[in-house]
């Protein structure tokens, strides 16, 4: 979806570079919901995070930051929850209590278990020159990531998406991380339920547009 400002108001403004995994989650969420938005480059090569103007929006000096007509929000998974709750009921925000909390569970799992497991592999293979790579750390990260994805594979053996039979907000952070896992130059085991889930995600236009981009 092309970023488009609201005709009657500022609408949604997303601050952050499009190749940040945390920004990518929010962009994908907007695509799923059909929400127009403006995106403003900040962070990475664009800089600007330490300026007083940006830190007034997000004191952490990180991306993304959402501005919804003056309501400021940061933390990518929280932004996805907010948008799904405000604009995606029923649908992206699960209708049943059980599925809602299962989606929340896997969103937090992505941040507390999967992200830390994958960090050294991603950083070593994508953002570190080959001569400076710590191969032991990369392999340790690969092993931890594989163990985490085996947990997800077992869960997906019983349902098509993380919260139940339908795609929900819970799949957005998981899907963003899963793309990185599949894009890294690593040996990966065949995990049938996880692989089938990944194929389903690739059928979604927002996933192809906002998640399936070169790793940087």
N, C-alpha and C. Protein backbone atom coordinates (compact mmCIF):
# COMPACT_ATOMS: atom_id res chain seq x y z
N UNK A 1 0.85 -1.19 0.00
CA UNK A 1 0.00 0.00 0.00
C UNK A 1 0.88 1.23 0.00
N UNK A 2 0.57 2.17 -0.84
CA UNK A 2 1.32 3.41 -0.86
C UNK A 2 0.92 4.28 0.32
N UNK A 3 1.93 4.80 1.07
CA UNK A 3 1.59 5.69 2.18
C UNK A 3 0.79 6.89 1.69
N UNK A 4 -0.37 7.11 2.28
CA UNK A 4 -1.25 8.18 1.85
C UNK A 4 -1.82 8.89 3.06
N UNK A 5 -1.65 10.20 3.16
CA UNK A 5 -2.22 10.90 4.32
C UNK A 5 -3.73 10.93 4.25
N UNK A 6 -4.36 10.99 5.42
CA UNK A 6 -5.81 11.14 5.47
C UNK A 6 -6.21 12.49 4.91
N UNK A 7 -7.34 12.51 4.21
CA UNK A 7 -7.78 13.77 3.63
C UNK A 7 -8.37 14.71 4.66
N UNK A 8 -8.88 14.15 5.76
CA UNK A 8 -9.55 14.99 6.74
C UNK A 8 -8.67 15.33 7.94
N UNK A 9 -7.55 14.63 8.10
CA UNK A 9 -6.67 14.87 9.22
C UNK A 9 -5.31 14.30 8.90
N UNK A 10 -4.41 14.42 9.82
CA UNK A 10 -3.08 13.88 9.63
C UNK A 10 -3.12 12.38 9.41
N UNK A 11 -4.04 11.68 10.09
CA UNK A 11 -4.09 10.23 9.97
C UNK A 11 -2.93 9.58 10.70
N UNK A 12 -2.56 8.40 10.26
CA UNK A 12 -1.48 7.65 10.88
C UNK A 12 -0.14 8.05 10.28
N UNK A 13 0.82 8.33 11.16
CA UNK A 13 2.19 8.58 10.74
C UNK A 13 3.07 7.57 11.45
N UNK A 14 3.89 6.87 10.69
CA UNK A 14 4.80 5.87 11.23
C UNK A 14 6.22 6.37 11.02
N UNK A 15 6.92 6.55 12.11
CA UNK A 15 8.30 7.01 12.06
C UNK A 15 9.21 5.78 12.11
N UNK A 16 10.05 5.64 11.07
CA UNK A 16 11.00 4.54 11.06
C UNK A 16 11.35 4.09 9.66
N UNK A 17 12.54 3.56 9.51
CA UNK A 17 13.01 3.06 8.22
C UNK A 17 12.32 1.73 7.90
N UNK A 18 12.04 1.52 6.62
CA UNK A 18 11.23 0.37 6.23
C UNK A 18 11.96 -0.96 6.33
N UNK A 19 13.30 -0.95 6.52
CA UNK A 19 14.04 -2.21 6.63
C UNK A 19 14.31 -2.60 8.08
N UNK A 20 13.71 -1.91 9.03
CA UNK A 20 13.76 -2.32 10.43
C UNK A 20 12.66 -3.35 10.68
N UNK A 21 13.00 -4.48 11.29
CA UNK A 21 11.99 -5.52 11.52
C UNK A 21 10.84 -4.98 12.35
N UNK A 22 11.13 -4.09 13.28
CA UNK A 22 10.06 -3.57 14.13
C UNK A 22 9.13 -2.62 13.38
N UNK A 23 9.68 -1.86 12.45
CA UNK A 23 8.85 -1.02 11.59
C UNK A 23 8.05 -1.89 10.63
N UNK A 24 8.70 -2.93 10.11
CA UNK A 24 8.04 -3.83 9.15
C UNK A 24 6.76 -4.43 9.73
N UNK A 25 6.79 -4.78 11.00
CA UNK A 25 5.59 -5.34 11.64
C UNK A 25 4.41 -4.36 11.54
N UNK A 26 4.69 -3.10 11.82
CA UNK A 26 3.62 -2.09 11.83
C UNK A 26 3.11 -1.84 10.41
N UNK A 27 4.01 -1.80 9.44
CA UNK A 27 3.60 -1.60 8.06
C UNK A 27 2.73 -2.76 7.57
N UNK A 28 3.13 -3.96 7.91
CA UNK A 28 2.35 -5.14 7.53
C UNK A 28 0.97 -5.09 8.17
N UNK A 29 0.92 -4.71 9.44
CA UNK A 29 -0.35 -4.60 10.14
C UNK A 29 -1.27 -3.61 9.44
N UNK A 30 -0.73 -2.46 9.07
CA UNK A 30 -1.54 -1.46 8.36
C UNK A 30 -2.06 -2.01 7.04
N UNK A 31 -1.22 -2.76 6.34
CA UNK A 31 -1.64 -3.36 5.07
C UNK A 31 -2.79 -4.33 5.28
N UNK A 32 -2.69 -5.16 6.32
CA UNK A 32 -3.75 -6.11 6.61
C UNK A 32 -5.07 -5.40 6.90
N UNK A 33 -4.98 -4.25 7.54
CA UNK A 33 -6.18 -3.52 7.94
C UNK A 33 -6.66 -2.53 6.89
N UNK A 34 -5.89 -2.38 5.81
CA UNK A 34 -6.27 -1.43 4.79
C UNK A 34 -6.18 0.02 5.24
N UNK A 35 -5.24 0.30 6.13
CA UNK A 35 -5.12 1.64 6.70
C UNK A 35 -4.15 2.50 5.91
N UNK A 36 -4.57 3.69 5.49
CA UNK A 36 -3.61 4.61 4.88
C UNK A 36 -2.68 5.18 5.94
N UNK A 37 -1.46 5.46 5.54
CA UNK A 37 -0.49 5.99 6.50
C UNK A 37 0.57 6.78 5.76
N UNK A 38 1.25 7.62 6.52
CA UNK A 38 2.49 8.24 6.06
C UNK A 38 3.63 7.57 6.81
N UNK A 39 4.75 7.36 6.12
CA UNK A 39 5.93 6.85 6.81
C UNK A 39 7.07 7.84 6.64
N UNK A 40 7.76 8.12 7.72
CA UNK A 40 8.86 9.07 7.69
C UNK A 40 10.15 8.37 8.08
N UNK A 41 11.15 8.46 7.21
CA UNK A 41 12.42 7.79 7.44
C UNK A 41 13.14 8.38 8.64
N UNK A 42 13.55 7.50 9.54
CA UNK A 42 14.37 7.88 10.68
C UNK A 42 15.04 6.61 11.17
N UNK A 43 16.23 6.74 11.73
CA UNK A 43 16.97 5.59 12.22
C UNK A 43 17.88 5.02 11.16
N UNK A 44 18.85 4.20 11.60
CA UNK A 44 19.79 3.60 10.67
C UNK A 44 20.56 4.68 9.91
N UNK A 45 20.66 4.50 8.59
CA UNK A 45 21.40 5.45 7.76
C UNK A 45 20.76 6.82 7.74
N UNK A 46 19.49 6.92 8.12
CA UNK A 46 18.79 8.20 8.10
C UNK A 46 19.06 9.03 9.35
N UNK A 47 19.49 8.38 10.43
CA UNK A 47 19.75 9.11 11.66
C UNK A 47 18.48 9.74 12.23
N UNK A 48 18.68 10.76 13.05
CA UNK A 48 17.55 11.54 13.57
C UNK A 48 16.96 11.04 14.86
N UNK A 49 17.44 9.91 15.38
CA UNK A 49 16.82 9.36 16.59
C UNK A 49 17.16 10.15 17.84
N UNK A 50 18.31 10.79 17.84
CA UNK A 50 18.77 11.49 19.04
C UNK A 50 18.39 12.97 19.05
N UNK A 51 17.63 13.39 18.08
CA UNK A 51 17.24 14.80 18.05
C UNK A 51 16.19 15.07 19.13
N UNK A 52 16.16 16.28 19.67
CA UNK A 52 15.13 16.60 20.66
C UNK A 52 13.72 16.40 20.12
N UNK A 53 13.53 16.70 18.83
CA UNK A 53 12.19 16.56 18.25
C UNK A 53 11.74 15.10 18.25
N UNK A 54 12.66 14.19 17.86
CA UNK A 54 12.24 12.79 17.83
C UNK A 54 12.10 12.22 19.25
N UNK A 55 13.02 12.57 20.13
CA UNK A 55 12.95 12.03 21.49
C UNK A 55 11.74 12.56 22.25
N UNK A 56 11.18 13.68 21.80
CA UNK A 56 9.92 14.14 22.39
C UNK A 56 8.79 13.19 22.02
N UNK A 57 8.93 12.50 20.89
CA UNK A 57 7.93 11.51 20.49
C UNK A 57 8.22 10.15 21.12
N UNK A 58 9.50 9.80 21.17
CA UNK A 58 9.90 8.50 21.70
C UNK A 58 11.19 8.67 22.48
N UNK A 59 11.12 8.72 23.80
CA UNK A 59 12.31 8.98 24.61
C UNK A 59 13.35 7.87 24.55
N UNK A 60 12.97 6.70 24.00
CA UNK A 60 13.92 5.60 23.85
C UNK A 60 14.84 5.80 22.66
N UNK A 61 14.51 6.75 21.77
CA UNK A 61 15.30 7.01 20.57
C UNK A 61 15.42 5.76 19.71
N UNK A 62 14.29 5.06 19.56
CA UNK A 62 14.24 3.87 18.71
C UNK A 62 13.06 3.98 17.76
N UNK A 63 12.98 3.04 16.83
CA UNK A 63 11.84 2.97 15.92
C UNK A 63 11.12 1.64 16.14
N UNK A 64 9.82 1.63 15.83
CA UNK A 64 9.00 2.69 15.27
C UNK A 64 8.34 3.54 16.35
N UNK A 65 7.82 4.67 15.91
CA UNK A 65 6.89 5.46 16.71
C UNK A 65 5.65 5.68 15.86
N UNK A 66 4.49 5.51 16.46
CA UNK A 66 3.23 5.77 15.77
C UNK A 66 2.63 7.07 16.29
N UNK A 67 2.17 7.88 15.36
CA UNK A 67 1.42 9.09 15.69
C UNK A 67 0.04 8.95 15.07
N UNK A 68 -0.95 8.72 15.89
CA UNK A 68 -2.33 8.58 15.42
C UNK A 68 -3.08 9.85 15.78
N UNK A 69 -2.99 10.85 14.89
CA UNK A 69 -3.65 12.13 15.12
C UNK A 69 -3.30 12.73 16.49
N UNK A 70 -2.01 12.65 16.82
CA UNK A 70 -1.54 13.25 18.07
C UNK A 70 -1.35 12.27 19.20
N UNK A 71 -1.89 11.06 19.08
CA UNK A 71 -1.66 10.03 20.08
C UNK A 71 -0.39 9.28 19.71
N UNK A 72 0.63 9.40 20.56
CA UNK A 72 1.93 8.80 20.29
C UNK A 72 2.06 7.47 20.99
N UNK A 73 2.64 6.49 20.29
CA UNK A 73 2.81 5.16 20.85
C UNK A 73 4.09 4.57 20.29
N UNK A 74 4.85 3.90 21.16
CA UNK A 74 6.03 3.18 20.70
C UNK A 74 6.00 1.76 21.25
N UNK A 75 6.97 0.95 20.84
CA UNK A 75 7.05 -0.50 21.02
C UNK A 75 6.20 -1.18 19.93
N UNK A 76 6.90 -1.85 19.02
CA UNK A 76 6.25 -2.34 17.81
C UNK A 76 5.10 -3.30 18.07
N UNK A 77 5.27 -4.25 18.99
CA UNK A 77 4.19 -5.20 19.24
C UNK A 77 2.98 -4.51 19.87
N UNK A 78 3.23 -3.52 20.68
CA UNK A 78 2.12 -2.76 21.27
C UNK A 78 1.38 -1.98 20.19
N UNK A 79 2.13 -1.42 19.25
CA UNK A 79 1.49 -0.69 18.15
C UNK A 79 0.61 -1.64 17.34
N UNK A 80 1.11 -2.84 17.06
CA UNK A 80 0.30 -3.83 16.33
C UNK A 80 -0.97 -4.16 17.12
N UNK A 81 -0.84 -4.35 18.42
CA UNK A 81 -2.02 -4.62 19.26
C UNK A 81 -3.03 -3.47 19.19
N UNK A 82 -2.49 -2.27 19.31
CA UNK A 82 -3.35 -1.08 19.29
C UNK A 82 -4.12 -0.97 17.99
N UNK A 83 -3.42 -1.09 16.88
CA UNK A 83 -4.08 -0.97 15.58
C UNK A 83 -5.09 -2.08 15.37
N UNK A 84 -4.73 -3.30 15.77
CA UNK A 84 -5.66 -4.42 15.62
C UNK A 84 -6.90 -4.22 16.47
N UNK A 85 -6.73 -3.72 17.70
CA UNK A 85 -7.86 -3.50 18.60
C UNK A 85 -8.74 -2.37 18.09
N UNK A 86 -8.12 -1.31 17.58
CA UNK A 86 -8.90 -0.14 17.16
C UNK A 86 -9.58 -0.34 15.81
N UNK A 87 -8.88 -1.02 14.89
CA UNK A 87 -9.38 -1.09 13.52
C UNK A 87 -9.69 -2.51 13.04
N UNK A 88 -9.32 -3.52 13.81
CA UNK A 88 -9.39 -4.88 13.28
C UNK A 88 -10.26 -5.83 14.07
N UNK A 89 -11.37 -5.36 14.60
CA UNK A 89 -12.29 -6.22 15.34
C UNK A 89 -13.61 -6.38 14.59
N UNK A 90 -14.11 -7.58 14.41
CA UNK A 90 -13.39 -8.85 14.59
C UNK A 90 -12.48 -9.09 13.40
N UNK A 91 -11.50 -9.92 13.59
CA UNK A 91 -10.57 -10.22 12.51
C UNK A 91 -9.15 -10.27 13.03
N UNK A 92 -8.38 -9.23 12.75
CA UNK A 92 -6.98 -9.24 13.18
C UNK A 92 -6.87 -9.29 14.69
N UNK A 93 -7.81 -8.65 15.37
CA UNK A 93 -7.89 -8.76 16.83
C UNK A 93 -8.87 -9.90 17.12
N UNK A 94 -8.38 -11.00 17.68
CA UNK A 94 -9.24 -12.19 17.83
C UNK A 94 -10.51 -11.90 18.61
N UNK A 95 -11.59 -12.52 18.16
CA UNK A 95 -12.89 -12.29 18.79
C UNK A 95 -13.03 -13.02 20.11
N UNK A 96 -12.49 -14.23 20.18
CA UNK A 96 -12.63 -15.00 21.42
C UNK A 96 -11.53 -14.62 22.40
N UNK A 97 -11.84 -14.68 23.68
CA UNK A 97 -10.85 -14.36 24.70
C UNK A 97 -9.66 -15.30 24.63
N UNK A 98 -9.93 -16.59 24.44
CA UNK A 98 -8.84 -17.56 24.41
C UNK A 98 -7.88 -17.28 23.27
N UNK A 99 -8.42 -16.99 22.09
CA UNK A 99 -7.55 -16.73 20.95
C UNK A 99 -6.84 -15.39 21.09
N UNK A 100 -7.50 -14.41 21.70
CA UNK A 100 -6.84 -13.12 21.91
C UNK A 100 -5.60 -13.30 22.78
N UNK A 101 -5.74 -14.03 23.90
CA UNK A 101 -4.61 -14.17 24.81
C UNK A 101 -3.56 -15.11 24.26
N UNK A 102 -3.95 -16.05 23.43
CA UNK A 102 -2.95 -16.89 22.78
C UNK A 102 -2.13 -16.05 21.80
N UNK A 103 -2.79 -15.16 21.09
CA UNK A 103 -2.04 -14.25 20.20
C UNK A 103 -1.07 -13.40 21.01
N UNK A 104 -1.54 -12.87 22.14
CA UNK A 104 -0.67 -12.06 23.00
C UNK A 104 0.54 -12.88 23.47
N UNK A 105 0.28 -14.12 23.84
CA UNK A 105 1.35 -14.99 24.33
C UNK A 105 2.46 -15.14 23.29
N UNK A 106 2.10 -15.41 22.04
CA UNK A 106 3.11 -15.62 21.02
C UNK A 106 3.78 -14.32 20.61
N UNK A 107 3.09 -13.21 20.71
CA UNK A 107 3.73 -11.93 20.45
C UNK A 107 4.83 -11.66 21.47
N UNK A 108 4.55 -11.96 22.73
CA UNK A 108 5.57 -11.78 23.77
C UNK A 108 6.69 -12.80 23.62
N UNK A 109 6.35 -14.02 23.25
CA UNK A 109 7.36 -15.07 23.03
C UNK A 109 8.35 -14.65 21.95
N UNK A 110 7.85 -14.00 20.93
CA UNK A 110 8.75 -13.52 19.88
C UNK A 110 9.79 -12.57 20.46
N UNK A 111 9.36 -11.69 21.36
CA UNK A 111 10.28 -10.70 21.93
C UNK A 111 11.21 -11.30 22.99
N UNK A 112 10.70 -12.20 23.80
CA UNK A 112 11.49 -12.68 24.95
C UNK A 112 12.31 -13.94 24.66
N UNK A 113 11.89 -14.74 23.68
CA UNK A 113 12.56 -16.00 23.40
C UNK A 113 13.19 -16.03 22.02
N UNK A 114 12.40 -15.71 21.00
CA UNK A 114 12.88 -15.86 19.63
C UNK A 114 13.89 -14.77 19.25
N UNK A 115 13.59 -13.53 19.53
CA UNK A 115 14.52 -12.45 19.19
C UNK A 115 15.90 -12.64 19.81
N UNK A 116 15.97 -12.90 21.14
CA UNK A 116 17.30 -13.10 21.72
C UNK A 116 18.04 -14.30 21.11
N UNK A 117 17.30 -15.36 20.79
CA UNK A 117 17.94 -16.53 20.20
C UNK A 117 18.55 -16.22 18.83
N UNK A 118 17.86 -15.40 18.04
CA UNK A 118 18.29 -15.13 16.67
C UNK A 118 19.30 -14.00 16.55
N UNK A 119 19.48 -13.23 17.60
CA UNK A 119 20.24 -11.98 17.49
C UNK A 119 21.66 -12.19 16.94
N UNK A 120 22.42 -13.09 17.54
CA UNK A 120 23.82 -13.26 17.14
C UNK A 120 23.94 -13.76 15.71
N UNK A 121 23.04 -14.63 15.29
CA UNK A 121 23.09 -15.12 13.92
C UNK A 121 22.79 -14.00 12.93
N UNK A 122 21.75 -13.23 13.22
CA UNK A 122 21.42 -12.12 12.32
C UNK A 122 22.54 -11.10 12.28
N UNK A 123 22.99 -10.68 13.45
CA UNK A 123 24.00 -9.63 13.50
C UNK A 123 25.31 -10.11 12.87
N UNK A 124 25.67 -11.36 13.15
CA UNK A 124 26.92 -11.88 12.61
C UNK A 124 26.91 -12.09 11.12
N UNK A 125 25.80 -12.56 10.58
CA UNK A 125 25.74 -12.90 9.16
C UNK A 125 25.31 -11.74 8.27
N UNK A 126 24.62 -10.76 8.84
CA UNK A 126 24.08 -9.66 8.02
C UNK A 126 24.85 -8.37 8.25
N UNK A 127 25.21 -8.09 9.47
CA UNK A 127 25.78 -6.77 9.77
C UNK A 127 27.24 -6.79 10.20
N UNK A 128 27.88 -7.94 10.08
CA UNK A 128 29.29 -8.05 10.44
C UNK A 128 30.09 -8.50 9.23
N UNK A 129 31.20 -7.84 8.89
CA UNK A 129 32.04 -8.29 7.77
C UNK A 129 32.51 -9.73 8.00
N UNK A 130 32.63 -10.52 6.94
CA UNK A 130 32.99 -11.94 7.09
C UNK A 130 34.24 -12.17 7.94
N UNK A 131 35.24 -11.36 7.78
CA UNK A 131 36.49 -11.58 8.52
C UNK A 131 36.34 -11.35 10.02
N UNK A 132 35.29 -10.65 10.42
CA UNK A 132 35.11 -10.31 11.83
C UNK A 132 34.04 -11.18 12.52
N UNK A 133 33.47 -12.13 11.82
CA UNK A 133 32.38 -12.92 12.37
C UNK A 133 32.87 -13.90 13.43
N UNK A 134 32.08 -14.03 14.47
CA UNK A 134 32.33 -15.01 15.52
C UNK A 134 31.48 -16.23 15.19
N UNK A 135 32.09 -17.22 14.56
CA UNK A 135 31.34 -18.37 14.07
C UNK A 135 30.74 -19.20 15.20
N UNK A 136 31.41 -19.21 16.34
CA UNK A 136 30.87 -19.96 17.48
C UNK A 136 29.58 -19.31 17.98
N UNK A 137 29.56 -18.00 18.06
CA UNK A 137 28.34 -17.30 18.48
C UNK A 137 27.22 -17.50 17.47
N UNK A 138 27.57 -17.46 16.20
CA UNK A 138 26.56 -17.65 15.17
C UNK A 138 25.96 -19.04 15.26
N UNK A 139 26.81 -20.05 15.44
CA UNK A 139 26.30 -21.42 15.56
C UNK A 139 25.47 -21.59 16.82
N UNK A 140 25.90 -20.99 17.92
CA UNK A 140 25.11 -21.07 19.14
C UNK A 140 23.75 -20.42 18.95
N UNK A 141 23.71 -19.31 18.24
CA UNK A 141 22.45 -18.63 17.96
C UNK A 141 21.57 -19.49 17.05
N UNK A 142 22.20 -20.13 16.06
CA UNK A 142 21.43 -21.01 15.17
C UNK A 142 20.78 -22.14 15.97
N UNK A 143 21.52 -22.72 16.89
CA UNK A 143 20.98 -23.83 17.70
C UNK A 143 19.83 -23.36 18.59
N UNK A 144 20.00 -22.20 19.21
CA UNK A 144 18.92 -21.67 20.06
C UNK A 144 17.69 -21.33 19.23
N UNK A 145 17.91 -20.77 18.04
CA UNK A 145 16.79 -20.42 17.17
C UNK A 145 16.06 -21.68 16.71
N UNK A 146 16.81 -22.69 16.33
CA UNK A 146 16.19 -23.94 15.91
C UNK A 146 15.34 -24.53 17.03
N UNK A 147 15.86 -24.49 18.25
CA UNK A 147 15.10 -25.03 19.39
C UNK A 147 13.80 -24.26 19.57
N UNK A 148 13.87 -22.93 19.42
CA UNK A 148 12.66 -22.12 19.56
C UNK A 148 11.67 -22.42 18.45
N UNK A 149 12.16 -22.54 17.23
CA UNK A 149 11.25 -22.82 16.11
C UNK A 149 10.66 -24.22 16.20
N UNK A 150 11.34 -25.13 16.85
CA UNK A 150 10.75 -26.45 17.05
C UNK A 150 9.53 -26.35 17.98
N UNK A 151 9.59 -25.46 18.95
CA UNK A 151 8.43 -25.23 19.82
C UNK A 151 7.26 -24.71 18.99
N UNK A 152 7.53 -23.74 18.14
CA UNK A 152 6.48 -23.19 17.29
C UNK A 152 5.96 -24.24 16.32
N UNK A 153 6.85 -25.04 15.76
CA UNK A 153 6.43 -26.10 14.85
C UNK A 153 5.46 -27.06 15.53
N UNK A 154 5.75 -27.43 16.76
CA UNK A 154 4.86 -28.34 17.50
C UNK A 154 3.50 -27.70 17.72
N UNK A 155 3.50 -26.41 18.04
CA UNK A 155 2.24 -25.70 18.25
C UNK A 155 1.41 -25.66 16.97
N UNK A 156 2.08 -25.42 15.85
CA UNK A 156 1.38 -25.29 14.58
C UNK A 156 0.95 -26.62 13.99
N UNK A 157 1.35 -27.70 14.60
CA UNK A 157 0.88 -29.01 14.14
C UNK A 157 -0.61 -29.18 14.41
N UNK A 158 -1.17 -28.35 15.29
CA UNK A 158 -2.57 -28.50 15.70
C UNK A 158 -3.47 -27.38 15.18
N UNK A 159 -2.90 -26.37 14.52
CA UNK A 159 -3.72 -25.26 14.02
C UNK A 159 -2.93 -24.51 12.97
N UNK A 160 -3.64 -23.74 12.13
CA UNK A 160 -3.00 -23.09 11.00
C UNK A 160 -2.25 -21.82 11.37
N UNK A 161 -2.70 -21.13 12.41
CA UNK A 161 -2.06 -19.87 12.81
C UNK A 161 -1.82 -19.89 14.31
N UNK A 162 -1.05 -18.95 14.82
CA UNK A 162 -0.59 -19.08 16.20
C UNK A 162 -1.73 -19.00 17.22
N UNK A 163 -2.80 -18.25 16.91
CA UNK A 163 -3.89 -18.10 17.87
C UNK A 163 -5.06 -19.03 17.59
N UNK A 164 -5.04 -19.72 16.46
CA UNK A 164 -6.16 -20.58 16.12
C UNK A 164 -6.27 -20.79 14.63
N UNK A 165 -7.48 -20.96 14.12
CA UNK A 165 -7.66 -21.25 12.69
C UNK A 165 -7.51 -20.06 11.76
N UNK A 166 -7.51 -18.85 12.29
CA UNK A 166 -7.47 -17.65 11.45
C UNK A 166 -6.23 -16.80 11.72
N UNK A 167 -5.76 -16.13 10.71
CA UNK A 167 -4.66 -15.18 10.85
C UNK A 167 -5.05 -14.07 11.82
N UNK A 168 -4.12 -13.67 12.68
CA UNK A 168 -4.41 -12.63 13.67
C UNK A 168 -3.17 -11.79 13.92
N UNK A 169 -3.31 -10.82 14.81
CA UNK A 169 -2.19 -9.96 15.16
C UNK A 169 -1.00 -10.76 15.68
N UNK A 170 -1.26 -11.92 16.28
CA UNK A 170 -0.19 -12.74 16.81
C UNK A 170 0.77 -13.25 15.76
N UNK A 171 0.30 -13.36 14.52
CA UNK A 171 1.14 -13.88 13.45
C UNK A 171 2.10 -12.85 12.88
N UNK A 172 1.86 -11.58 13.15
CA UNK A 172 2.68 -10.54 12.53
C UNK A 172 4.11 -10.53 13.08
N UNK A 173 4.34 -10.44 14.38
CA UNK A 173 5.73 -10.50 14.86
C UNK A 173 6.39 -11.85 14.55
N UNK A 174 5.64 -12.93 14.72
CA UNK A 174 6.19 -14.26 14.45
C UNK A 174 6.59 -14.37 12.98
N UNK A 175 5.71 -13.90 12.09
CA UNK A 175 6.00 -13.98 10.66
C UNK A 175 7.21 -13.17 10.26
N UNK A 176 7.38 -11.99 10.85
CA UNK A 176 8.54 -11.16 10.54
C UNK A 176 9.84 -11.86 10.93
N UNK A 177 9.84 -12.49 12.10
CA UNK A 177 11.03 -13.22 12.54
C UNK A 177 11.26 -14.47 11.68
N UNK A 178 10.19 -15.13 11.31
CA UNK A 178 10.32 -16.35 10.50
C UNK A 178 10.92 -16.04 9.14
N UNK A 179 10.57 -14.89 8.56
CA UNK A 179 11.20 -14.52 7.29
C UNK A 179 12.70 -14.38 7.46
N UNK A 180 13.13 -13.72 8.52
CA UNK A 180 14.57 -13.55 8.76
C UNK A 180 15.25 -14.92 8.89
N UNK A 181 14.62 -15.81 9.62
CA UNK A 181 15.18 -17.15 9.81
C UNK A 181 15.38 -17.84 8.46
N UNK A 182 14.41 -17.73 7.59
CA UNK A 182 14.50 -18.39 6.29
C UNK A 182 15.43 -17.66 5.33
N UNK A 183 15.65 -16.38 5.55
CA UNK A 183 16.52 -15.60 4.66
C UNK A 183 17.99 -15.67 5.04
N UNK A 184 18.29 -16.06 6.27
CA UNK A 184 19.68 -16.15 6.69
C UNK A 184 20.37 -17.34 6.01
N UNK A 185 21.65 -17.19 5.67
CA UNK A 185 22.39 -18.29 5.04
C UNK A 185 22.82 -19.33 6.08
N UNK A 186 21.86 -20.09 6.55
CA UNK A 186 22.08 -21.09 7.59
C UNK A 186 21.45 -22.41 7.18
N UNK A 187 21.95 -23.49 7.75
CA UNK A 187 21.28 -24.77 7.59
C UNK A 187 20.10 -24.82 8.54
N UNK A 188 18.95 -25.21 8.00
CA UNK A 188 17.73 -25.28 8.81
C UNK A 188 17.11 -26.66 8.66
N UNK A 189 16.58 -27.21 9.74
CA UNK A 189 15.93 -28.51 9.64
C UNK A 189 14.58 -28.38 8.94
N UNK A 190 14.12 -29.46 8.37
CA UNK A 190 12.77 -29.46 7.83
C UNK A 190 11.76 -29.59 8.95
N UNK A 191 10.94 -28.59 9.12
CA UNK A 191 9.90 -28.59 10.15
C UNK A 191 8.57 -28.43 9.43
N UNK A 192 7.87 -29.51 9.16
CA UNK A 192 6.74 -29.49 8.23
C UNK A 192 5.64 -28.49 8.58
N UNK A 193 5.25 -28.42 9.83
CA UNK A 193 4.17 -27.50 10.20
C UNK A 193 4.62 -26.05 10.08
N UNK A 194 5.85 -25.79 10.47
CA UNK A 194 6.40 -24.44 10.35
C UNK A 194 6.55 -24.05 8.88
N UNK A 195 7.02 -24.97 8.07
CA UNK A 195 7.20 -24.69 6.65
C UNK A 195 5.86 -24.41 5.97
N UNK A 196 4.83 -25.17 6.33
CA UNK A 196 3.50 -24.94 5.75
C UNK A 196 2.95 -23.59 6.19
N UNK A 197 3.19 -23.24 7.44
CA UNK A 197 2.78 -21.93 7.96
C UNK A 197 3.47 -20.81 7.20
N UNK A 198 4.76 -20.97 6.94
CA UNK A 198 5.51 -19.96 6.21
C UNK A 198 4.95 -19.80 4.79
N UNK A 199 4.56 -20.88 4.18
CA UNK A 199 3.95 -20.80 2.85
C UNK A 199 2.64 -20.03 2.91
N UNK A 200 1.85 -20.25 3.94
CA UNK A 200 0.59 -19.51 4.06
C UNK A 200 0.84 -18.03 4.23
N UNK A 201 1.84 -17.68 5.02
CA UNK A 201 2.15 -16.26 5.21
C UNK A 201 2.58 -15.59 3.91
N UNK A 202 3.31 -16.32 3.09
CA UNK A 202 3.78 -15.75 1.83
C UNK A 202 2.65 -15.46 0.84
N UNK A 203 1.49 -16.02 1.09
CA UNK A 203 0.33 -15.74 0.23
C UNK A 203 -0.31 -14.39 0.54
N UNK A 204 0.10 -13.76 1.65
CA UNK A 204 -0.51 -12.50 2.06
C UNK A 204 0.24 -11.33 1.43
N UNK A 205 -0.48 -10.45 0.71
CA UNK A 205 0.20 -9.33 0.03
C UNK A 205 1.04 -8.46 0.96
N UNK A 206 0.54 -8.20 2.17
CA UNK A 206 1.29 -7.36 3.10
C UNK A 206 2.60 -7.98 3.52
N UNK A 207 2.62 -9.29 3.64
CA UNK A 207 3.85 -10.01 3.99
C UNK A 207 4.86 -9.88 2.85
N UNK A 208 4.39 -10.07 1.63
CA UNK A 208 5.30 -9.98 0.49
C UNK A 208 5.83 -8.55 0.32
N UNK A 209 4.98 -7.56 0.58
CA UNK A 209 5.38 -6.17 0.35
C UNK A 209 6.30 -5.64 1.43
N UNK A 210 5.98 -5.92 2.67
CA UNK A 210 6.66 -5.24 3.77
C UNK A 210 7.66 -6.12 4.53
N UNK A 211 7.57 -7.42 4.40
CA UNK A 211 8.45 -8.31 5.15
C UNK A 211 9.51 -8.93 4.25
N UNK A 212 9.14 -9.35 3.07
CA UNK A 212 10.05 -10.07 2.19
C UNK A 212 10.93 -9.09 1.40
N UNK A 213 11.81 -8.43 2.13
CA UNK A 213 12.75 -7.50 1.51
C UNK A 213 14.16 -7.94 1.93
N UNK A 214 15.18 -7.54 1.19
CA UNK A 214 16.56 -7.97 1.52
C UNK A 214 16.95 -7.60 2.95
N UNK A 215 17.65 -8.51 3.60
CA UNK A 215 18.12 -8.24 4.95
C UNK A 215 19.26 -7.24 4.92
N UNK A 216 19.17 -6.25 5.80
CA UNK A 216 20.23 -5.24 5.91
C UNK A 216 20.47 -4.93 7.38
